[in-house]
Amino acid sequence: DPTYTTASFTNCFGGYNSTSSGNWSDKGSGNYYF
């Protein structure tokens, strides 16, 4: 399985409503997972 860029999620460790997110550009159609 191809591996795309890894995002480092740190902000979500800041408390109950703290959020981290990562965005990946179009890699074509197919089945994905993280």
Full PDB file with SEQRES, HELIX, SHEET, SSBOND, CRYST1, ORIGX, SCALE, CONECT and MASTER records, all heavy atoms in Angstrom:
SEQRES   1 A   34  ASP PRO THR TYR THR THR ALA SER PHE THR ASN CYS PHE          
SEQRES   2 A   34  GLY GLY TYR ASN SER THR SER SER GLY ASN TRP SER ASP          
SEQRES   3 A   34  LYS GLY SER GLY ASN TYR TYR PHE                              
HELIX    1 AA1 ASN A   11  GLY A   14  5                                   4    
CRYST1    1.000    1.000    1.000  90.00  90.00  90.00 P 1           1          
ORIGX1      1.000000  0.000000  0.000000        0.00000                         
ORIGX2      0.000000  1.000000  0.000000        0.00000                         
ORIGX3      0.000000  0.000000  1.000000        0.00000                         
SCALE1      1.000000  0.000000  0.000000        0.00000                         
SCALE2      0.000000  1.000000  0.000000        0.00000                         
SCALE3      0.000000  0.000000  1.000000        0.00000                         
ATOM      1  N   ASP A   1       0.837  -1.201   0.000  1.00  0.00           N  
ATOM      2  CA  ASP A   1       0.000   0.000   0.000  1.00  0.00           C  
ATOM      3  C   ASP A   1       0.873   1.252   0.000  1.00  0.00           C  
ATOM      4  O   ASP A   1       1.785   1.375   0.834  1.00  0.00           O  
ATOM      5  CB  ASP A   1      -0.903   0.026   1.237  1.00  0.00           C  
ATOM      6  CG  ASP A   1      -1.953  -1.073   1.204  1.00  0.00           C  
ATOM      7  OD1 ASP A   1      -2.161  -1.678   0.134  1.00  0.00           O  
ATOM      8  OD2 ASP A   1      -2.559  -1.324   2.262  1.00  0.00           O  
ATOM      9  N   PRO A   2       0.598   2.195  -0.919  1.00  0.00           N  
ATOM     10  CA  PRO A   2       1.356   3.455  -0.911  1.00  0.00           C  
ATOM     11  C   PRO A   2       1.147   4.203   0.400  1.00  0.00           C  
ATOM     12  O   PRO A   2       0.058   4.188   0.970  1.00  0.00           O  
ATOM     13  CB  PRO A   2       0.754   4.249  -2.076  1.00  0.00           C  
ATOM     14  CG  PRO A   2       0.007   3.273  -2.905  1.00  0.00           C  
ATOM     15  CD  PRO A   2      -0.384   2.152  -1.999  1.00  0.00           C  
ATOM     16  N   THR A   3       2.201   4.830   0.880  1.00  0.00           N  
ATOM     17  CA  THR A   3       2.161   5.634   2.091  1.00  0.00           C  
ATOM     18  C   THR A   3       2.348   7.086   1.693  1.00  0.00           C  
ATOM     19  O   THR A   3       3.326   7.429   1.034  1.00  0.00           O  
ATOM     20  CB  THR A   3       3.292   5.214   3.052  1.00  0.00           C  
ATOM     21  OG1 THR A   3       3.093   3.845   3.402  1.00  0.00           O  
ATOM     22  CG2 THR A   3       3.304   6.058   4.306  1.00  0.00           C  
ATOM     23  N   TYR A   4       1.400   7.926   2.076  1.00  0.00           N  
ATOM     24  CA  TYR A   4       1.496   9.348   1.775  1.00  0.00           C  
ATOM     25  C   TYR A   4       2.000  10.085   3.004  1.00  0.00           C  
ATOM     26  O   TYR A   4       2.265   9.491   4.039  1.00  0.00           O  
ATOM     27  CB  TYR A   4       0.137   9.872   1.283  1.00  0.00           C  
ATOM     28  CG  TYR A   4      -0.343   9.113   0.064  1.00  0.00           C  
ATOM     29  CD1 TYR A   4      -1.446   8.275   0.123  1.00  0.00           C  
ATOM     30  CD2 TYR A   4       0.346   9.203  -1.140  1.00  0.00           C  
ATOM     31  CE1 TYR A   4      -1.866   7.558  -0.993  1.00  0.00           C  
ATOM     32  CE2 TYR A   4      -0.060   8.489  -2.262  1.00  0.00           C  
ATOM     33  CZ  TYR A   4      -1.167   7.675  -2.180  1.00  0.00           C  
ATOM     34  OH  TYR A   4      -1.568   6.961  -3.274  1.00  0.00           O  
ATOM     35  N   THR A   5       2.144  11.361   2.925  1.00  0.00           N  
ATOM     36  CA  THR A   5       2.725  12.184   3.982  1.00  0.00           C  
ATOM     37  C   THR A   5       2.102  11.894   5.349  1.00  0.00           C  
ATOM     38  O   THR A   5       0.899  11.703   5.469  1.00  0.00           O  
ATOM     39  CB  THR A   5       2.522  13.675   3.654  1.00  0.00           C  
ATOM     40  OG1 THR A   5       3.059  13.934   2.366  1.00  0.00           O  
ATOM     41  CG2 THR A   5       3.186  14.564   4.671  1.00  0.00           C  
ATOM     42  N   THR A   6       2.958  11.871   6.370  1.00  0.00           N  
ATOM     43  CA  THR A   6       2.509  11.698   7.749  1.00  0.00           C  
ATOM     44  C   THR A   6       2.322  13.066   8.391  1.00  0.00           C  
ATOM     45  O   THR A   6       3.223  13.898   8.350  1.00  0.00           O  
ATOM     46  CB  THR A   6       3.524  10.877   8.564  1.00  0.00           C  
ATOM     47  OG1 THR A   6       3.624   9.583   7.986  1.00  0.00           O  
ATOM     48  CG2 THR A   6       3.103  10.750  10.018  1.00  0.00           C  
ATOM     49  N   ALA A   7       1.149  13.289   8.968  1.00  0.00           N  
ATOM     50  CA  ALA A   7       0.879  14.531   9.694  1.00  0.00           C  
ATOM     51  C   ALA A   7       1.121  14.278  11.183  1.00  0.00           C  
ATOM     52  O   ALA A   7       0.727  13.238  11.714  1.00  0.00           O  
ATOM     53  CB  ALA A   7      -0.566  14.973   9.472  1.00  0.00           C  
ATOM     54  N   SER A   8       1.780  15.212  11.829  1.00  0.00           N  
ATOM     55  CA  SER A   8       2.033  15.111  13.264  1.00  0.00           C  
ATOM     56  C   SER A   8       0.910  15.841  14.001  1.00  0.00           C  
ATOM     57  O   SER A   8       0.799  17.065  13.922  1.00  0.00           O  
ATOM     58  CB  SER A   8       3.383  15.729  13.603  1.00  0.00           C  
ATOM     59  OG  SER A   8       3.628  15.617  14.983  1.00  0.00           O  
ATOM     60  N   PHE A   9       0.069  15.080  14.680  1.00  0.00           N  
ATOM     61  CA  PHE A   9      -1.056  15.652  15.433  1.00  0.00           C  
ATOM     62  C   PHE A   9      -0.592  15.925  16.858  1.00  0.00           C  
ATOM     63  O   PHE A   9      -0.320  14.999  17.619  1.00  0.00           O  
ATOM     64  CB  PHE A   9      -2.237  14.694  15.445  1.00  0.00           C  
ATOM     65  CG  PHE A   9      -3.011  14.623  14.144  1.00  0.00           C  
ATOM     66  CD1 PHE A   9      -2.544  15.176  12.970  1.00  0.00           C  
ATOM     67  CD2 PHE A   9      -4.236  13.993  14.113  1.00  0.00           C  
ATOM     68  CE1 PHE A   9      -3.260  15.111  11.787  1.00  0.00           C  
ATOM     69  CE2 PHE A   9      -4.979  13.915  12.946  1.00  0.00           C  
ATOM     70  CZ  PHE A   9      -4.490  14.479  11.774  1.00  0.00           C  
ATOM     71  N   THR A  10      -0.501  17.191  17.216  1.00  0.00           N  
ATOM     72  CA  THR A  10      -0.075  17.571  18.568  1.00  0.00           C  
ATOM     73  C   THR A  10      -1.141  18.371  19.302  1.00  0.00           C  
ATOM     74  O   THR A  10      -1.309  18.219  20.508  1.00  0.00           O  
ATOM     75  CB  THR A  10       1.226  18.401  18.527  1.00  0.00           C  
ATOM     76  OG1 THR A  10       1.014  19.550  17.697  1.00  0.00           O  
ATOM     77  CG2 THR A  10       2.385  17.584  17.979  1.00  0.00           C  
ATOM     78  N   ASN A  11      -1.855  19.231  18.608  1.00  0.00           N  
ATOM     79  CA  ASN A  11      -2.816  20.123  19.245  1.00  0.00           C  
ATOM     80  C   ASN A  11      -3.944  19.358  19.941  1.00  0.00           C  
ATOM     81  O   ASN A  11      -4.469  19.805  20.957  1.00  0.00           O  
ATOM     82  CB  ASN A  11      -3.405  21.102  18.222  1.00  0.00           C  
ATOM     83  CG  ASN A  11      -4.170  22.218  18.907  1.00  0.00           C  
ATOM     84  OD1 ASN A  11      -3.636  22.884  19.784  1.00  0.00           O  
ATOM     85  ND2 ASN A  11      -5.417  22.395  18.507  1.00  0.00           N  
ATOM     86  N   CYS A  12      -4.304  18.185  19.422  1.00  0.00           N  
ATOM     87  CA  CYS A  12      -5.426  17.435  20.009  1.00  0.00           C  
ATOM     88  C   CYS A  12      -5.121  16.947  21.428  1.00  0.00           C  
ATOM     89  O   CYS A  12      -6.016  16.527  22.153  1.00  0.00           O  
ATOM     90  CB  CYS A  12      -5.821  16.258  19.115  1.00  0.00           C  
ATOM     91  SG  CYS A  12      -4.554  15.010  18.876  1.00  0.00           S  
ATOM     92  N   PHE A  13      -3.863  17.036  21.853  1.00  0.00           N  
ATOM     93  CA  PHE A  13      -3.476  16.637  23.211  1.00  0.00           C  
ATOM     94  C   PHE A  13      -3.691  17.771  24.223  1.00  0.00           C  
ATOM     95  O   PHE A  13      -3.388  17.612  25.394  1.00  0.00           O  
ATOM     96  CB  PHE A  13      -2.011  16.180  23.238  1.00  0.00           C  
ATOM     97  CG  PHE A  13      -1.792  14.861  22.578  1.00  0.00           C  
ATOM     98  CD1 PHE A  13      -1.577  14.786  21.206  1.00  0.00           C  
ATOM     99  CD2 PHE A  13      -1.812  13.682  23.305  1.00  0.00           C  
ATOM    100  CE1 PHE A  13      -1.385  13.561  20.584  1.00  0.00           C  
ATOM    101  CE2 PHE A  13      -1.621  12.455  22.691  1.00  0.00           C  
ATOM    102  CZ  PHE A  13      -1.408  12.402  21.321  1.00  0.00           C  
ATOM    103  N   GLY A  14      -4.240  18.913  23.774  1.00  0.00           N  
ATOM    104  CA  GLY A  14      -4.396  20.090  24.619  1.00  0.00           C  
ATOM    105  C   GLY A  14      -5.641  20.124  25.485  1.00  0.00           C  
ATOM    106  O   GLY A  14      -5.826  21.066  26.227  1.00  0.00           O  
ATOM    107  N   GLY A  15      -6.507  19.149  25.408  1.00  0.00           N  
ATOM    108  CA  GLY A  15      -7.706  19.157  26.237  1.00  0.00           C  
ATOM    109  C   GLY A  15      -8.917  18.626  25.497  1.00  0.00           C  
ATOM    110  O   GLY A  15      -8.835  18.198  24.344  1.00  0.00           O  
ATOM    111  N   TYR A  16     -10.057  18.684  26.163  1.00  0.00           N  
ATOM    112  CA  TYR A  16     -11.283  18.032  25.713  1.00  0.00           C  
ATOM    113  C   TYR A  16     -11.719  18.436  24.307  1.00  0.00           C  
ATOM    114  O   TYR A  16     -12.118  17.605  23.509  1.00  0.00           O  
ATOM    115  CB  TYR A  16     -12.400  18.315  26.719  1.00  0.00           C  
ATOM    116  CG  TYR A  16     -13.642  17.496  26.477  1.00  0.00           C  
ATOM    117  CD1 TYR A  16     -13.682  16.152  26.842  1.00  0.00           C  
ATOM    118  CD2 TYR A  16     -14.759  18.051  25.873  1.00  0.00           C  
ATOM    119  CE1 TYR A  16     -14.815  15.386  26.616  1.00  0.00           C  
ATOM    120  CE2 TYR A  16     -15.899  17.295  25.658  1.00  0.00           C  
ATOM    121  CZ  TYR A  16     -15.918  15.962  26.022  1.00  0.00           C  
ATOM    122  OH  TYR A  16     -17.035  15.217  25.803  1.00  0.00           O  
ATOM    123  N   ASN A  17     -11.671  19.706  23.977  1.00  0.00           N  
ATOM    124  CA  ASN A  17     -12.112  20.178  22.667  1.00  0.00           C  
ATOM    125  C   ASN A  17     -10.963  20.540  21.728  1.00  0.00           C  
ATOM    126  O   ASN A  17     -11.188  21.147  20.681  1.00  0.00           O  
ATOM    127  CB  ASN A  17     -13.055  21.373  22.808  1.00  0.00           C  
ATOM    128  CG  ASN A  17     -14.400  20.963  23.362  1.00  0.00           C  
ATOM    129  OD1 ASN A  17     -14.956  19.942  22.974  1.00  0.00           O  
ATOM    130  ND2 ASN A  17     -14.925  21.748  24.288  1.00  0.00           N  
ATOM    131  N   SER A  18      -9.752  20.172  22.076  1.00  0.00           N  
ATOM    132  CA  SER A  18      -8.594  20.484  21.242  1.00  0.00           C  
ATOM    133  C   SER A  18      -8.554  19.555  20.036  1.00  0.00           C  
ATOM    134  O   SER A  18      -8.769  18.351  20.153  1.00  0.00           O  
ATOM    135  CB  SER A  18      -7.305  20.339  22.038  1.00  0.00           C  
ATOM    136  OG  SER A  18      -7.305  21.244  23.119  1.00  0.00           O  
ATOM    137  N   THR A  19      -8.262  20.131  18.870  1.00  0.00           N  
ATOM    138  CA  THR A  19      -8.341  19.397  17.617  1.00  0.00           C  
ATOM    139  C   THR A  19      -7.065  19.537  16.801  1.00  0.00           C  
ATOM    140  O   THR A  19      -6.458  20.594  16.764  1.00  0.00           O  
ATOM    141  CB  THR A  19      -9.539  19.925  16.785  1.00  0.00           C  
ATOM    142  OG1 THR A  19     -10.732  19.735  17.547  1.00  0.00           O  
ATOM    143  CG2 THR A  19      -9.669  19.209  15.480  1.00  0.00           C  
ATOM    144  N   SER A  20      -6.687  18.456  16.149  1.00  0.00           N  
ATOM    145  CA  SER A  20      -5.622  18.453  15.153  1.00  0.00           C  
ATOM    146  C   SER A  20      -6.208  17.899  13.864  1.00  0.00           C  
ATOM    147  O   SER A  20      -7.098  17.047  13.893  1.00  0.00           O  
ATOM    148  CB  SER A  20      -4.467  17.539  15.574  1.00  0.00           C  
ATOM    149  OG  SER A  20      -3.817  18.020  16.714  1.00  0.00           O  
ATOM    150  N   SER A  21      -5.700  18.380  12.730  1.00  0.00           N  
ATOM    151  CA  SER A  21      -6.182  17.832  11.467  1.00  0.00           C  
ATOM    152  C   SER A  21      -5.074  17.819  10.436  1.00  0.00           C  
ATOM    153  O   SER A  21      -4.101  18.556  10.534  1.00  0.00           O  
ATOM    154  CB  SER A  21      -7.383  18.627  10.951  1.00  0.00           C  
ATOM    155  OG  SER A  21      -7.019  19.949  10.655  1.00  0.00           O  
ATOM    156  N   GLY A  22      -5.243  16.944   9.469  1.00  0.00           N  
ATOM    157  CA  GLY A  22      -4.317  16.845   8.353  1.00  0.00           C  
ATOM    158  C   GLY A  22      -5.098  16.818   7.057  1.00  0.00           C  
ATOM    159  O   GLY A  22      -6.206  16.276   7.001  1.00  0.00           O  
ATOM    160  N   ASN A  23      -4.537  17.429   6.027  1.00  0.00           N  
ATOM    161  CA  ASN A  23      -5.164  17.472   4.709  1.00  0.00           C  
ATOM    162  C   ASN A  23      -4.225  16.850   3.685  1.00  0.00           C  
ATOM    163  O   ASN A  23      -3.027  17.139   3.688  1.00  0.00           O  
ATOM    164  CB  ASN A  23      -5.458  18.920   4.300  1.00  0.00           C  
ATOM    165  CG  ASN A  23      -6.486  19.557   5.184  1.00  0.00           C  
ATOM    166  OD1 ASN A  23      -7.624  19.116   5.219  1.00  0.00           O  
ATOM    167  ND2 ASN A  23      -6.094  20.588   5.909  1.00  0.00           N  
ATOM    168  N   TRP A  24      -4.779  16.020   2.828  1.00  0.00           N  
ATOM    169  CA  TRP A  24      -4.014  15.397   1.766  1.00  0.00           C  
ATOM    170  C   TRP A  24      -4.684  15.733   0.445  1.00  0.00           C  
ATOM    171  O   TRP A  24      -5.909  15.668   0.319  1.00  0.00           O  
ATOM    172  CB  TRP A  24      -3.956  13.879   1.962  1.00  0.00           C  
ATOM    173  CG  TRP A  24      -3.091  13.479   3.108  1.00  0.00           C  
ATOM    174  CD1 TRP A  24      -1.779  13.100   3.047  1.00  0.00           C  
ATOM    175  CD2 TRP A  24      -3.444  13.404   4.501  1.00  0.00           C  
ATOM    176  NE1 TRP A  24      -1.303  12.808   4.308  1.00  0.00           N  
ATOM    177  CE2 TRP A  24      -2.312  12.993   5.224  1.00  0.00           C  
ATOM    178  CE3 TRP A  24      -4.615  13.662   5.206  1.00  0.00           C  
ATOM    179  CZ2 TRP A  24      -2.310  12.814   6.599  1.00  0.00           C  
ATOM    180  CZ3 TRP A  24      -4.612  13.500   6.583  1.00  0.00           C  
ATOM    181  CH2 TRP A  24      -3.476  13.074   7.257  1.00  0.00           C  
ATOM    182  N   SER A  25      -3.885  16.062  -0.566  1.00  0.00           N  
ATOM    183  CA  SER A  25      -4.435  16.399  -1.882  1.00  0.00           C  
ATOM    184  C   SER A  25      -4.907  15.134  -2.600  1.00  0.00           C  
ATOM    185  O   SER A  25      -4.681  14.017  -2.133  1.00  0.00           O  
ATOM    186  CB  SER A  25      -3.371  17.116  -2.716  1.00  0.00           C  
ATOM    187  OG  SER A  25      -2.267  16.259  -2.912  1.00  0.00           O  
ATOM    188  N   ASP A  26      -5.540  15.317  -3.737  1.00  0.00           N  
ATOM    189  CA  ASP A  26      -6.112  14.225  -4.521  1.00  0.00           C  
ATOM    190  C   ASP A  26      -5.051  13.177  -4.865  1.00  0.00           C  
ATOM    191  O   ASP A  26      -4.010  13.488  -5.429  1.00  0.00           O  
ATOM    192  CB  ASP A  26      -6.710  14.801  -5.800  1.00  0.00           C  
ATOM    193  CG  ASP A  26      -7.466  13.780  -6.623  1.00  0.00           C  
ATOM    194  OD1 ASP A  26      -7.531  12.600  -6.228  1.00  0.00           O  
ATOM    195  OD2 ASP A  26      -7.990  14.162  -7.678  1.00  0.00           O  
ATOM    196  N   LYS A  27      -5.308  11.935  -4.498  1.00  0.00           N  
ATOM    197  CA  LYS A  27      -4.422  10.808  -4.807  1.00  0.00           C  
ATOM    198  C   LYS A  27      -5.100   9.835  -5.773  1.00  0.00           C  
ATOM    199  O   LYS A  27      -4.660   8.711  -5.937  1.00  0.00           O  
ATOM    200  CB  LYS A  27      -4.034  10.054  -3.522  1.00  0.00           C  
ATOM    201  CG  LYS A  27      -3.444  10.919  -2.432  1.00  0.00           C  
ATOM    202  CD  LYS A  27      -2.129  11.524  -2.849  1.00  0.00           C  
ATOM    203  CE  LYS A  27      -1.538  12.332  -1.705  1.00  0.00           C  
ATOM    204  NZ  LYS A  27      -0.515  13.242  -2.138  1.00  0.00           N  
ATOM    205  N   GLY A  28      -6.208  10.264  -6.388  1.00  0.00           N  
ATOM    206  CA  GLY A  28      -6.945   9.405  -7.306  1.00  0.00           C  
ATOM    207  C   GLY A  28      -8.002   8.596  -6.584  1.00  0.00           C  
ATOM    208  O   GLY A  28      -8.087   8.587  -5.364  1.00  0.00           O  
ATOM    209  N   SER A  29      -8.821   7.912  -7.351  1.00  0.00           N  
ATOM    210  CA  SER A  29      -9.889   7.117  -6.742  1.00  0.00           C  
ATOM    211  C   SER A  29      -9.329   5.835  -6.146  1.00  0.00           C  
ATOM    212  O   SER A  29      -8.277   5.351  -6.560  1.00  0.00           O  
ATOM    213  CB  SER A  29     -10.967   6.799  -7.775  1.00  0.00           C  
ATOM    214  OG  SER A  29     -10.427   6.014  -8.810  1.00  0.00           O  
ATOM    215  N   GLY A  30     -10.022   5.307  -5.162  1.00  0.00           N  
ATOM    216  CA  GLY A  30      -9.614   4.059  -4.549  1.00  0.00           C  
ATOM    217  C   GLY A  30     -10.056   3.951  -3.104  1.00  0.00           C  
ATOM    218  O   GLY A  30     -10.735   4.826  -2.575  1.00  0.00           O  
ATOM    219  N   ASN A  31      -9.651   2.853  -2.461  1.00  0.00           N  
ATOM    220  CA  ASN A  31      -9.935   2.621  -1.049  1.00  0.00           C  
ATOM    221  C   ASN A  31      -8.793   3.188  -0.216  1.00  0.00           C  
ATOM    222  O   ASN A  31      -7.629   2.877  -0.476  1.00  0.00           O  
ATOM    223  CB  ASN A  31     -10.089   1.127  -0.766  1.00  0.00           C  
ATOM    224  CG  ASN A  31     -11.354   0.579  -1.366  1.00  0.00           C  
ATOM    225  OD1 ASN A  31     -12.423   1.154  -1.214  1.00  0.00           O  
ATOM    226  ND2 ASN A  31     -11.246  -0.535  -2.076  1.00  0.00           N  
ATOM    227  N   TYR A  32      -9.136   3.972   0.781  1.00  0.00           N  
ATOM    228  CA  TYR A  32      -8.145   4.632   1.626  1.00  0.00           C  
ATOM    229  C   TYR A  32      -8.335   4.226   3.081  1.00  0.00           C  
ATOM    230  O   TYR A  32      -9.398   3.759   3.481  1.00  0.00           O  
ATOM    231  CB  TYR A  32      -8.275   6.156   1.518  1.00  0.00           C  
ATOM    232  CG  TYR A  32      -7.800   6.685   0.192  1.00  0.00           C  
ATOM    233  CD1 TYR A  32      -8.665   6.788  -0.885  1.00  0.00           C  
ATOM    234  CD2 TYR A  32      -6.482   7.064   0.016  1.00  0.00           C  
ATOM    235  CE1 TYR A  32      -8.222   7.264  -2.107  1.00  0.00           C  
ATOM    236  CE2 TYR A  32      -6.024   7.540  -1.197  1.00  0.00           C  
ATOM    237  CZ  TYR A  32      -6.907   7.641  -2.258  1.00  0.00           C  
ATOM    238  OH  TYR A  32      -6.459   8.103  -3.461  1.00  0.00           O  
ATOM    239  N   TYR A  33      -7.297   4.445   3.860  1.00  0.00           N  
ATOM    240  CA  TYR A  33      -7.347   4.296   5.308  1.00  0.00           C  
ATOM    241  C   TYR A  33      -6.211   5.115   5.877  1.00  0.00           C  
ATOM    242  O   TYR A  33      -5.356   5.611   5.142  1.00  0.00           O  
ATOM    243  CB  TYR A  33      -7.242   2.824   5.731  1.00  0.00           C  
ATOM    244  CG  TYR A  33      -5.938   2.133   5.403  1.00  0.00           C  
ATOM    245  CD1 TYR A  33      -4.942   1.982   6.369  1.00  0.00           C  
ATOM    246  CD2 TYR A  33      -5.700   1.608   4.137  1.00  0.00           C  
ATOM    247  CE1 TYR A  33      -3.754   1.337   6.082  1.00  0.00           C  
ATOM    248  CE2 TYR A  33      -4.511   0.956   3.843  1.00  0.00           C  
ATOM    249  CZ  TYR A  33      -3.537   0.825   4.811  1.00  0.00           C  
ATOM    250  OH  TYR A  33      -2.357   0.187   4.520  1.00  0.00           O  
ATOM    251  N   PHE A  34      -6.206   5.305   7.175  1.00  0.00           N  
ATOM    252  CA  PHE A  34      -5.053   5.959   7.791  1.00  0.00           C  
ATOM    253  C   PHE A  34      -4.448   5.017   8.819  1.00  0.00           C  
ATOM    254  O   PHE A  34      -5.128   4.151   9.374  1.00  0.00           O  
ATOM    255  CB  PHE A  34      -5.408   7.323   8.415  1.00  0.00           C  
ATOM    256  CG  PHE A  34      -6.357   7.276   9.566  1.00  0.00           C  
ATOM    257  CD1 PHE A  34      -5.912   7.042  10.860  1.00  0.00           C  
ATOM    258  CD2 PHE A  34      -7.709   7.498   9.368  1.00  0.00           C  
ATOM    259  CE1 PHE A  34      -6.790   7.009  11.929  1.00  0.00           C  
ATOM    260  CE2 PHE A  34      -8.609   7.483  10.426  1.00  0.00           C  
ATOM    261  CZ  PHE A  34      -8.146   7.234  11.712  1.00  0.00           C  
TER     262      PHE A  34                                                      
MASTER        0    0    0    1    0    0    0    6  261    1    0    3          
END                                                                             
